[in-house]
Amino acid sequence: MSDPILSLKGISKSFGPIEVLHDVDFELRPGEIHALIGENGAGKSTTMKILGGYIDATAGEVLWHGQPTHFPSSDEAEARGIVMIHQEFNLAEHLGVDQNVFLGREITRGWRLDHKAMRTRTAELLDRLECRVDPAVRVSGLSVPAKQMVEIAKALSRDLRVLIMDEPTAVLTERECEILFRQIERLRAKGVAILYTSHKLSEVTRLCDRVTVLRDGAMVRSAPVSDITEEEMAAAMVGRELSDLYPAKAVPRDEVLLEVENLSVPGVVESASLTLRRGEVLGLGGLVGSGRTEFAEALAGLRPREGRVRLMGEDLPASEVRTALQRGLVYLTEDRKGAGLLLDKGLRENLTLPLLERFGGPLIDRRAEEAALDRAIEEFAIRAPDRRMRVGNLSGGNQQKLLLAKTLLSDPQVILIDEPTRGIDIGTKQQIYALIAGLAAEGCAILVISSEMPELIGLASRVLVMHAGRITGALEGDDVTEGAIVRLAMGLDDNREGAAA
């Protein structure tokens, strides 16, 4: 076994009076993929940022080739070949793809920028990733998965010795994941040391050589992947056995709460129909770009639409978000950071913003807002060291729980949830699954959009699948299988007859 290239010894980190890492030891070796896993808030991101030179430890040592070192900045770490792909994109939206890939390391010819060389090199990197994006296009116009591929291309453009990857597949399709895995294995073969963090334990088992588990800022287990099962990983993460990840499914009632007839979103969705009953969890599957999100946004009034939508027996006008909210329909966005939460504000401001009229007239009743936040923290098990802290500093799982609390504050009857557990740990997933099942049991009607097929199968009593803007089929009972969902999602099968039933 080769000696560690980068390691931590006895690392602790405090933010003010709160210690978030406690005496952590961690090693990265050339040609090895080392998984770092744990619940949201366990300390993974802090550990990665210390390794990458973004923040300093409070105590302990960072070792480079066995010798104590200090990275004054992430730029210094990158100069030594330590590159981090962040979970949140670190891209200049107003610049082109090629400009982002070489930002700060521009290729020059004499005193002038060599745009042709940068564009050609970027095209080569994107080709390796099978990403059909024009290197000259602005990043702001790209889809979320395409932006992730640009981040990966940016990392691959460097002379890598250590690659730190924070949830790299959270927004990628299955096909894109396979492409990324091939690149990771190629880097391992070249001797690059790789830190890989993911909430998808199947990826850890498939890709990684070693796994280290953090819980509440402390290292609780480290072992070769061959010596630990996914169930044991999950138990180490949450400190308890995780059986019955998915709760029992509620039985739908006869009453139809939402009826959609031939809904179209110009250029995106064509003639989509469905019914959603009280107490039902209805799944909506399909590949990224199939029109799932646009369909849900149109129902919620966020996009123009054609077709008829009836909510609890009455027509729901198009493009009226406030009307949909007042009549009991809410939408939980897939993009909690970009569209769901104000990251620079506190928990209270985020929770009550959509319903400020409930908390006073010209002057806001802060005491009522604080009481609402008290209830949300308790009911949704939101873990925040300080309720006044910036929401951007919460872990992904706690951000998602806050977004759920905000969405459900209006006591809705019909709930559209887009990617409910993207980028969160298995323990928090279990909490959210129980919450969804509980809402259905209370009589809410819930549409769950998810790219994770086990999630659709585990939660929904019925699953619709979209392909190229059309609902291609409905699955129910024993017919809800991964194979059947994949075939419908790829347009290989078409059984629309039962889609709106």
Protein backbone atom coordinates (compact mmCIF):
# COMPACT_ATOMS: atom_id res chain seq x y z
CA MET A 1 0.00 0.00 0.00
CA SER A 2 1.36 3.43 -0.97
CA ASP A 3 2.00 6.14 1.62
CA PRO A 4 -0.63 8.86 2.08
CA ILE A 5 -0.26 11.91 -0.14
CA LEU A 6 -2.66 14.07 1.91
CA SER A 7 -3.91 13.39 5.42
CA LEU A 8 -5.42 14.90 8.53
CA LYS A 9 -4.18 14.13 12.03
CA GLY A 10 -6.19 14.99 15.14
CA ILE A 11 -8.18 17.66 13.31
CA SER A 12 -10.79 19.68 15.20
CA LYS A 13 -12.72 22.66 13.92
CA SER A 14 -14.86 25.17 15.80
CA PHE A 15 -17.09 27.94 14.54
CA GLY A 16 -17.35 30.25 17.51
CA PRO A 17 -18.28 28.17 20.57
CA ILE A 18 -19.53 25.25 18.44
CA GLU A 19 -17.07 22.46 17.66
CA VAL A 20 -18.12 20.70 14.45
CA LEU A 21 -15.14 18.34 14.04
CA HIS A 22 -13.62 16.37 16.89
CA ASP A 23 -10.14 14.79 16.59
CA VAL A 24 -10.54 13.49 13.02
CA ASP A 25 -7.86 11.36 11.32
CA PHE A 26 -8.17 10.85 7.57
CA GLU A 27 -5.84 9.69 4.78
CA LEU A 28 -5.84 9.89 0.99
CA ARG A 29 -3.50 7.59 -0.95
CA PRO A 30 -2.48 7.72 -4.61
CA GLY A 31 -4.55 5.42 -6.80
CA GLU A 32 -7.23 4.94 -4.13
CA ILE A 33 -10.83 6.15 -3.97
CA HIS A 34 -11.70 6.91 -0.36
CA ALA A 35 -15.37 7.53 0.45
CA LEU A 36 -16.29 9.99 3.20
CA ILE A 37 -19.92 9.50 4.24
CA GLY A 38 -22.24 10.65 6.99
CA GLU A 39 -25.53 12.39 7.63
CA ASN A 40 -26.00 16.01 6.63
CA GLY A 41 -24.27 18.05 9.30
CA ALA A 42 -21.86 15.24 10.21
CA GLY A 43 -18.82 17.33 9.21
CA LYS A 44 -18.06 16.04 5.70
CA SER A 45 -18.01 19.42 3.96
CA THR A 46 -15.88 20.95 6.72
CA THR A 47 -13.38 18.08 6.41
CA MET A 48 -13.19 18.50 2.64
CA LYS A 49 -12.73 22.26 2.88
CA ILE A 50 -9.82 21.82 5.31
CA LEU A 51 -8.19 19.34 2.92
CA GLY A 52 -8.74 21.73 0.00
CA GLY A 53 -7.34 24.82 1.72
CA TYR A 54 -10.67 26.66 1.94
CA ILE A 55 -10.70 26.88 5.74
CA ASP A 56 -8.17 26.29 8.51
CA ALA A 57 -8.49 23.73 11.27
CA THR A 58 -8.76 24.89 14.86
CA ALA A 59 -6.47 22.11 16.09
CA GLY A 60 -4.51 19.24 14.56
CA GLU A 61 -2.28 18.94 11.50
CA VAL A 62 -2.67 18.74 7.72
CA LEU A 63 0.06 16.51 6.25
CA TRP A 64 1.34 16.62 2.65
CA HIS A 65 3.45 13.56 1.85
CA GLY A 66 3.71 12.95 5.59
CA GLN A 67 4.99 16.44 6.43
CA PRO A 68 2.98 19.10 8.28
CA THR A 69 1.82 21.80 5.89
CA HIS A 70 -0.52 24.76 5.69
CA PHE A 71 -2.44 25.92 2.65
CA PRO A 72 -2.94 29.70 2.93
CA SER A 73 -5.76 29.42 0.41
CA SER A 74 -7.49 27.04 -1.97
CA ASP A 75 -5.37 28.54 -4.76
CA GLU A 76 -2.24 27.28 -2.99
CA ALA A 77 -3.79 23.83 -2.63
CA GLU A 78 -4.74 23.81 -6.31
CA ALA A 79 -1.17 24.78 -7.23
CA ARG A 80 -0.11 21.48 -5.63
CA GLY A 81 -2.74 19.55 -7.58
CA ILE A 82 -5.52 19.41 -4.94
CA VAL A 83 -8.82 20.20 -6.66
CA MET A 84 -12.32 20.17 -5.18
CA ILE A 85 -15.60 19.82 -7.07
CA HIS A 86 -18.19 21.50 -4.86
CA GLN A 87 -21.77 20.39 -4.37
CA GLU A 88 -22.82 24.00 -5.00
CA PHE A 89 -21.60 25.17 -8.39
CA ASN A 90 -18.60 27.47 -8.39
CA LEU A 91 -19.18 28.93 -11.84
CA ALA A 92 -19.29 32.46 -13.26
CA GLU A 93 -22.78 32.44 -14.79
CA HIS A 94 -22.17 35.40 -17.13
CA LEU A 95 -19.08 33.83 -18.74
CA GLY A 96 -18.80 31.15 -21.40
CA VAL A 97 -18.13 27.49 -20.66
CA ASP A 98 -14.53 27.71 -21.92
CA GLN A 99 -13.92 30.88 -19.88
CA ASN A 100 -15.11 29.07 -16.76
CA VAL A 101 -12.96 26.01 -17.38
CA PHE A 102 -9.81 28.15 -17.63
CA LEU A 103 -10.78 30.98 -15.29
CA GLY A 104 -7.64 32.16 -13.50
CA ARG A 105 -5.45 29.86 -15.65
CA GLU A 106 -6.13 31.34 -19.07
CA ILE A 107 -4.08 30.12 -22.03
CA THR A 108 -2.22 33.00 -23.64
CA ARG A 109 -0.34 33.62 -26.85
CA GLY A 110 2.12 36.33 -26.01
CA TRP A 111 0.17 38.97 -24.11
CA ARG A 112 -3.18 38.03 -25.62
CA LEU A 113 -5.70 35.41 -24.54
CA ASP A 114 -5.72 32.39 -26.83
CA HIS A 115 -9.49 31.89 -27.07
CA LYS A 116 -9.18 29.32 -29.83
CA ALA A 117 -6.90 27.09 -27.77
CA MET A 118 -9.13 27.33 -24.68
CA ARG A 119 -12.23 26.57 -26.75
CA THR A 120 -10.57 23.60 -28.44
CA ARG A 121 -9.29 22.17 -25.14
CA THR A 122 -12.71 22.67 -23.50
CA ALA A 123 -14.39 20.85 -26.40
CA GLU A 124 -12.00 17.92 -25.91
CA LEU A 125 -12.80 17.73 -22.18
CA LEU A 126 -16.54 17.89 -22.78
CA ASP A 127 -16.21 15.23 -25.47
CA ARG A 128 -14.58 12.93 -22.91
CA LEU A 129 -17.62 13.49 -20.73
CA GLU A 130 -19.97 12.94 -23.69
CA CYS A 131 -21.45 16.34 -22.91
CA ARG A 132 -22.86 18.03 -26.01
CA VAL A 133 -22.47 21.63 -24.90
CA ASP A 134 -21.03 24.43 -27.02
CA PRO A 135 -17.86 25.67 -25.25
CA ALA A 136 -18.77 29.23 -26.25
CA VAL A 137 -22.26 29.27 -24.70
CA ARG A 138 -22.89 31.19 -21.48
CA VAL A 139 -23.11 29.06 -18.35
CA SER A 140 -26.30 30.85 -17.29
CA GLY A 141 -28.16 29.17 -20.14
CA LEU A 142 -27.18 25.61 -19.19
CA SER A 143 -29.25 23.00 -17.40
CA VAL A 144 -28.25 21.92 -13.89
CA PRO A 145 -26.72 18.59 -15.08
CA ALA A 146 -24.77 20.40 -17.81
CA LYS A 147 -23.36 22.81 -15.22
CA GLN A 148 -22.18 19.84 -13.17
CA MET A 149 -20.41 18.45 -16.23
CA VAL A 150 -18.70 21.83 -16.71
CA GLU A 151 -17.48 21.66 -13.10
CA ILE A 152 -16.09 18.19 -13.78
CA ALA A 153 -14.44 19.35 -17.02
CA LYS A 154 -12.85 22.23 -15.10
CA ALA A 155 -11.34 19.77 -12.63
CA LEU A 156 -10.12 17.44 -15.39
CA SER A 157 -8.33 20.37 -17.06
CA ARG A 158 -5.90 20.59 -14.16
CA ASP A 159 -2.81 18.57 -13.33
CA LEU A 160 -4.58 16.49 -10.70
CA ARG A 161 -2.90 14.76 -7.79
CA VAL A 162 -5.83 14.83 -5.35
CA LEU A 163 -9.47 15.14 -6.43
CA ILE A 164 -12.15 15.91 -3.81
CA MET A 165 -15.71 15.30 -5.03
CA ASP A 166 -18.70 16.51 -3.01
CA GLU A 167 -21.90 14.77 -4.17
CA PRO A 168 -20.89 14.84 -7.85
CA THR A 169 -23.83 12.73 -9.07
CA ALA A 170 -26.64 14.43 -7.14
CA VAL A 171 -27.99 16.15 -10.28
CA LEU A 172 -26.80 13.72 -12.97
CA THR A 173 -28.82 11.19 -14.91
CA GLU A 174 -27.93 7.51 -14.77
CA ARG A 175 -26.18 7.75 -18.14
CA GLU A 176 -24.16 10.78 -17.01
CA CYS A 177 -23.20 8.95 -13.81
CA GLU A 178 -21.79 6.07 -15.84
CA ILE A 179 -19.69 8.50 -17.87
CA LEU A 180 -18.38 10.12 -14.70
CA PHE A 181 -17.56 6.75 -13.13
CA ARG A 182 -15.41 5.87 -16.15
CA GLN A 183 -13.47 9.11 -15.73
CA ILE A 184 -13.00 8.49 -12.01
CA GLU A 185 -11.65 4.99 -12.66
CA ARG A 186 -9.34 6.42 -15.32
CA LEU A 187 -7.94 8.93 -12.80
CA ARG A 188 -7.47 6.19 -10.20
CA ALA A 189 -5.47 4.17 -12.73
CA LYS A 190 -3.24 7.24 -13.26
CA GLY A 191 -2.48 7.38 -9.52
CA VAL A 192 -4.74 10.26 -8.51
CA ALA A 193 -5.96 10.14 -4.90
CA ILE A 194 -9.72 10.63 -4.83
CA LEU A 195 -12.03 11.61 -1.98
CA TYR A 196 -15.60 10.73 -2.92
CA THR A 197 -18.64 11.68 -0.90
CA SER A 198 -22.16 10.59 -1.78
CA HIS A 199 -25.43 9.76 -0.07
CA LYS A 200 -25.91 6.97 -2.63
CA LEU A 201 -24.31 4.04 -0.83
CA SER A 202 -24.55 1.86 -3.92
CA GLU A 203 -22.05 4.24 -5.56
CA VAL A 204 -19.70 3.90 -2.60
CA THR A 205 -19.84 0.11 -2.83
CA ARG A 206 -19.26 0.14 -6.56
CA LEU A 207 -16.51 2.75 -6.86
CA CYS A 208 -14.56 3.05 -3.66
CA ASP A 209 -11.71 1.15 -2.05
CA ARG A 210 -12.13 2.46 1.50
CA VAL A 211 -14.89 4.20 3.41
CA THR A 212 -14.77 6.46 6.46
CA VAL A 213 -17.96 7.32 8.35
CA LEU A 214 -18.45 10.60 10.24
CA ARG A 215 -21.20 11.09 12.80
CA ASP A 216 -21.70 14.32 14.73
CA GLY A 217 -18.23 15.53 13.74
CA ALA A 218 -16.35 12.42 14.86
CA MET A 219 -14.98 9.48 12.92
CA VAL A 220 -16.95 6.38 13.96
CA ARG A 221 -15.71 3.79 11.46
CA SER A 222 -13.12 3.35 8.71
CA ALA A 223 -12.74 0.15 6.72
CA PRO A 224 -12.11 -1.32 3.29
CA VAL A 225 -15.36 -1.28 1.32
CA SER A 226 -15.09 -5.05 0.93
CA ASP A 227 -15.40 -5.39 4.73
CA ILE A 228 -18.57 -3.35 5.28
CA THR A 229 -22.09 -3.69 3.88
CA GLU A 230 -24.34 -0.82 2.83
CA GLU A 231 -26.60 -1.62 5.80
CA GLU A 232 -23.62 -1.33 8.15
CA MET A 233 -22.61 1.96 6.55
CA ALA A 234 -26.11 3.36 7.07
CA ALA A 235 -26.23 2.16 10.68
CA ALA A 236 -22.85 3.77 11.40
CA MET A 237 -24.02 7.05 9.86
CA VAL A 238 -27.18 7.40 11.93
CA GLY A 239 -26.19 5.44 15.05
CA ARG A 240 -29.04 2.97 14.74
CA GLU A 241 -30.28 0.20 12.49
CA LEU A 242 -32.25 1.47 9.51
CA SER A 243 -34.91 -1.07 8.71
CA ASP A 244 -38.09 -0.33 6.79
CA LEU A 245 -36.73 2.74 5.01
CA TYR A 246 -40.09 3.23 3.31
CA PRO A 247 -43.21 3.43 5.49
CA ALA A 248 -46.43 1.60 4.71
CA LYS A 249 -48.29 3.21 1.84
CA ALA A 250 -51.52 5.05 2.59
CA VAL A 251 -54.64 3.78 0.80
CA PRO A 252 -56.02 6.38 -1.64
CA ARG A 253 -59.63 7.43 -1.14
CA ASP A 254 -62.23 7.87 -3.87
CA GLU A 255 -62.37 11.67 -3.80
CA VAL A 256 -60.44 13.30 -6.65
CA LEU A 257 -58.64 16.48 -5.50
CA LEU A 258 -56.73 17.29 -8.68
CA GLU A 259 -57.81 16.58 -12.24
CA VAL A 260 -55.62 17.58 -15.19
CA GLU A 261 -56.85 17.30 -18.77
CA ASN A 262 -54.55 17.76 -21.79
CA LEU A 263 -52.15 20.15 -20.09
CA SER A 264 -49.52 21.58 -22.41
CA VAL A 265 -46.57 23.86 -21.76
CA PRO A 266 -45.48 25.38 -25.07
CA GLY A 267 -42.41 23.59 -26.38
CA VAL A 268 -42.03 21.38 -23.30
CA VAL A 269 -45.13 19.38 -22.30
CA GLU A 270 -47.83 18.05 -24.62
CA SER A 271 -51.34 16.91 -23.67
CA ALA A 272 -50.54 15.53 -20.19
CA SER A 273 -53.47 14.27 -18.12
CA LEU A 274 -53.77 12.81 -14.63
CA THR A 275 -56.00 12.47 -11.60
CA LEU A 276 -54.83 12.67 -8.01
CA ARG A 277 -57.01 11.36 -5.19
CA ARG A 278 -57.22 12.28 -1.54
CA GLY A 279 -54.71 10.22 0.44
CA GLU A 280 -52.76 9.18 -2.65
CA VAL A 281 -49.02 9.39 -3.25
CA LEU A 282 -48.65 9.46 -7.03
CA GLY A 283 -45.15 9.12 -8.47
CA LEU A 284 -43.94 10.92 -11.60
CA GLY A 285 -40.82 9.47 -13.20
CA GLY A 286 -38.79 10.13 -16.32
CA LEU A 287 -35.36 11.24 -17.40
CA VAL A 288 -34.04 14.73 -16.70
CA GLY A 289 -35.45 16.94 -19.46
CA SER A 290 -38.59 14.86 -19.94
CA GLY A 291 -40.84 17.72 -18.81
CA ARG A 292 -41.63 16.56 -15.27
CA THR A 293 -40.59 19.76 -13.52
CA GLU A 294 -42.18 22.03 -16.12
CA PHE A 295 -45.44 20.09 -15.75
CA ALA A 296 -45.45 20.60 -11.96
CA GLU A 297 -44.49 24.28 -12.27
CA ALA A 298 -47.37 24.83 -14.71
CA LEU A 299 -49.81 23.24 -12.24
CA ALA A 300 -48.53 25.57 -9.51
CA GLY A 301 -48.93 28.67 -11.68
CA LEU A 302 -45.23 29.21 -12.25
CA ARG A 303 -45.41 28.63 -16.04
CA PRO A 304 -47.97 29.47 -18.72
CA ARG A 305 -50.06 26.47 -19.71
CA GLU A 306 -52.93 25.33 -21.85
CA GLY A 307 -55.50 22.71 -20.93
CA ARG A 308 -57.86 22.27 -18.00
CA VAL A 309 -56.91 21.92 -14.34
CA ARG A 310 -59.60 21.30 -11.72
CA LEU A 311 -58.66 21.63 -8.05
CA MET A 312 -61.21 20.18 -5.64
CA GLY A 313 -63.92 20.42 -8.28
CA GLU A 314 -63.26 23.97 -9.46
CA ASP A 315 -61.23 25.21 -12.41
CA LEU A 316 -57.81 26.56 -11.47
CA PRO A 317 -56.71 29.53 -13.60
CA ALA A 318 -53.30 29.40 -15.26
CA SER A 319 -50.25 31.40 -14.16
CA GLU A 320 -51.70 32.43 -10.80
CA VAL A 321 -49.37 31.22 -8.05
CA ARG A 322 -51.19 33.08 -5.29
CA THR A 323 -54.56 31.62 -6.32
CA ALA A 324 -53.17 28.08 -6.33
CA LEU A 325 -51.66 28.64 -2.88
CA GLN A 326 -54.85 30.11 -1.45
CA ARG A 327 -56.91 27.21 -2.78
CA GLY A 328 -54.63 24.58 -1.29
CA LEU A 329 -52.06 23.60 -3.93
CA VAL A 330 -48.34 24.05 -3.23
CA TYR A 331 -45.14 23.17 -5.06
CA LEU A 332 -41.81 22.25 -3.44
CA THR A 333 -39.08 23.09 -5.93
CA GLU A 334 -36.22 20.77 -6.84
CA ASP A 335 -33.80 23.73 -6.62
CA ARG A 336 -33.81 24.55 -2.92
CA LYS A 337 -30.77 26.84 -3.15
CA GLY A 338 -31.63 28.70 -6.34
CA ALA A 339 -35.42 29.00 -6.06
CA GLY A 340 -36.57 27.62 -2.71
CA LEU A 341 -34.65 29.46 -0.02
CA LEU A 342 -33.01 32.83 0.61
CA LEU A 343 -29.56 31.62 1.60
CA ASP A 344 -28.44 34.94 3.08
CA LYS A 345 -31.45 35.18 5.41
CA GLY A 346 -32.28 33.41 8.67
CA LEU A 347 -34.66 30.53 9.33
CA ARG A 348 -37.56 32.73 10.43
CA GLU A 349 -37.53 34.95 7.34
CA ASN A 350 -37.42 31.93 5.03
CA LEU A 351 -40.21 30.07 6.80
CA THR A 352 -42.82 32.83 6.84
CA LEU A 353 -42.06 34.73 3.61
CA PRO A 354 -44.84 33.15 1.46
CA LEU A 355 -47.51 33.87 4.12
CA LEU A 356 -46.52 37.20 5.64
CA GLU A 357 -50.16 38.31 5.67
CA ARG A 358 -50.74 35.70 8.39
CA PHE A 359 -48.24 37.42 10.64
CA GLY A 360 -49.60 40.95 10.79
CA GLY A 361 -50.64 43.92 8.68
CA PRO A 362 -48.28 46.79 8.03
CA LEU A 363 -46.09 45.54 10.89
CA ILE A 364 -44.98 41.93 11.15
CA ASP A 365 -45.70 40.09 14.41
CA ARG A 366 -42.21 38.76 15.17
CA ARG A 367 -43.49 36.83 18.18
CA ALA A 368 -45.94 34.91 15.97
CA GLU A 369 -43.19 34.25 13.45
CA GLU A 370 -40.90 32.90 16.17
CA ALA A 371 -43.69 30.66 17.44
CA ALA A 372 -44.20 29.28 13.93
CA LEU A 373 -40.47 28.62 13.70
CA ASP A 374 -40.55 26.84 17.08
CA ARG A 375 -43.21 24.49 15.74
CA ALA A 376 -41.35 23.91 12.47
CA ILE A 377 -38.07 23.10 14.23
CA GLU A 378 -39.84 20.57 16.43
CA GLU A 379 -42.16 19.01 13.83
CA PHE A 380 -39.53 18.73 11.09
CA ALA A 381 -36.54 17.97 13.36
CA ILE A 382 -34.54 20.88 11.95
CA ARG A 383 -31.05 20.97 13.46
CA ALA A 384 -29.59 24.47 13.58
CA PRO A 385 -26.96 25.61 16.11
CA ASP A 386 -28.45 29.13 15.97
CA ARG A 387 -31.89 29.93 14.56
CA ARG A 388 -30.55 33.32 13.44
CA MET A 389 -27.83 31.76 11.29
CA ARG A 390 -27.79 32.15 7.51
CA VAL A 391 -29.77 29.34 5.91
CA GLY A 392 -26.89 28.90 3.47
CA ASN A 393 -24.81 27.59 6.39
CA LEU A 394 -27.29 24.80 7.21
CA SER A 395 -26.57 21.29 5.96
CA GLY A 396 -28.43 20.18 2.84
CA GLY A 397 -30.78 17.94 4.81
CA ASN A 398 -31.76 20.72 7.21
CA GLN A 399 -32.26 23.12 4.31
CA GLN A 400 -34.61 20.58 2.74
CA LYS A 401 -36.55 20.16 5.98
CA LEU A 402 -36.88 23.94 6.29
CA LEU A 403 -38.12 24.11 2.70
CA LEU A 404 -40.70 21.44 3.49
CA ALA A 405 -41.83 23.35 6.58
CA LYS A 406 -42.12 26.55 4.52
CA THR A 407 -44.09 24.80 1.76
CA LEU A 408 -46.48 23.12 4.20
CA LEU A 409 -47.07 26.19 6.39
CA SER A 410 -50.26 26.99 4.47
CA ASP A 411 -51.83 23.60 5.38
CA PRO A 412 -52.29 22.56 1.71
CA GLN A 413 -54.49 19.77 0.37
CA VAL A 414 -52.51 19.04 -2.82
CA ILE A 415 -48.72 18.91 -2.58
CA LEU A 416 -46.34 18.71 -5.53
CA ILE A 417 -42.87 17.64 -4.36
CA ASP A 418 -39.99 17.76 -6.85
CA GLU A 419 -36.93 15.62 -5.96
CA PRO A 420 -37.77 15.42 -2.22
CA THR A 421 -34.45 13.88 -1.11
CA ARG A 422 -31.85 15.05 -3.61
CA GLY A 423 -28.45 15.41 -1.95
CA ILE A 424 -29.49 14.41 1.56
CA ASP A 425 -28.43 11.53 3.79
CA ILE A 426 -30.27 8.28 4.36
CA GLY A 427 -31.39 9.16 7.89
CA THR A 428 -33.02 12.39 6.73
CA LYS A 429 -34.52 10.54 3.76
CA GLN A 430 -36.25 8.20 6.18
CA GLN A 431 -37.69 11.20 8.06
CA ILE A 432 -38.99 12.79 4.85
CA TYR A 433 -40.49 9.52 3.61
CA ALA A 434 -42.36 9.17 6.92
CA LEU A 435 -43.55 12.77 6.61
CA ILE A 436 -44.90 12.17 3.08
CA ALA A 437 -46.69 9.00 4.17
CA GLY A 438 -48.12 10.81 7.20
CA LEU A 439 -49.48 13.65 5.05
CA ALA A 440 -51.16 11.13 2.75
CA ALA A 441 -52.67 9.30 5.73
CA GLU A 442 -54.12 12.63 6.91
CA GLY A 443 -55.84 13.06 3.54
CA CYS A 444 -53.45 15.17 1.48
CA ALA A 445 -52.94 14.29 -2.17
CA ILE A 446 -49.25 14.20 -3.09
CA LEU A 447 -47.42 14.12 -6.42
CA VAL A 448 -43.77 13.05 -5.99
CA ILE A 449 -41.34 13.72 -8.83
CA SER A 450 -38.12 11.76 -8.43
CA SER A 451 -35.14 10.59 -10.47
CA GLU A 452 -34.55 7.79 -7.96
CA MET A 453 -36.56 4.77 -9.04
CA PRO A 454 -36.40 3.01 -5.63
CA GLU A 455 -37.94 6.17 -4.17
CA LEU A 456 -40.85 6.12 -6.62
CA ILE A 457 -41.41 2.40 -6.06
CA GLY A 458 -41.12 2.68 -2.27
CA LEU A 459 -43.41 5.70 -1.84
CA ALA A 460 -46.04 5.72 -4.57
CA SER A 461 -49.12 3.55 -4.97
CA ARG A 462 -49.14 4.47 -8.67
CA VAL A 463 -46.40 5.81 -10.98
CA LEU A 464 -46.72 7.87 -14.17
CA VAL A 465 -43.74 8.17 -16.48
CA MET A 466 -42.87 10.99 -18.88
CA HIS A 467 -40.79 10.93 -22.05
CA ALA A 468 -40.16 13.90 -24.35
CA GLY A 469 -42.92 15.97 -22.77
CA ARG A 470 -45.62 13.29 -22.87
CA ILE A 471 -46.92 10.92 -20.22
CA THR A 472 -46.10 7.56 -21.79
CA GLY A 473 -47.68 5.27 -19.25
CA ALA A 474 -49.07 4.46 -15.83
CA LEU A 475 -47.89 1.63 -13.58
CA GLU A 476 -49.64 0.20 -10.57
CA GLY A 477 -49.22 -2.70 -8.14
CA ASP A 478 -46.78 -5.40 -9.23
CA ASP A 479 -46.20 -3.61 -12.55
CA VAL A 480 -44.22 -0.85 -10.78
CA THR A 481 -40.69 -2.09 -11.43
CA GLU A 482 -37.42 -0.39 -12.34
CA GLY A 483 -37.38 -2.12 -15.70
CA ALA A 484 -40.89 -0.95 -16.59
CA ILE A 485 -40.13 2.63 -15.51
CA VAL A 486 -36.90 2.71 -17.55
CA ARG A 487 -38.60 1.45 -20.71
CA LEU A 488 -41.35 4.07 -20.44
CA ALA A 489 -38.82 6.81 -19.59
CA MET A 490 -36.80 5.98 -22.71
CA GLY A 491 -39.86 5.85 -24.94
CA LEU A 492 -39.52 2.13 -25.62
CA ASP A 493 -43.01 1.34 -24.33
CA ASP A 494 -46.20 3.36 -24.45
CA ASN A 495 -49.31 2.49 -22.41
CA ARG A 496 -51.00 5.86 -22.02
CA GLU A 497 -54.43 4.35 -21.68
CA GLY A 498 -54.26 4.23 -17.87
CA ALA A 499 -52.30 7.41 -17.31
CA ALA A 500 -55.19 9.63 -16.25
CA ALA A 501 -57.12 6.99 -14.33
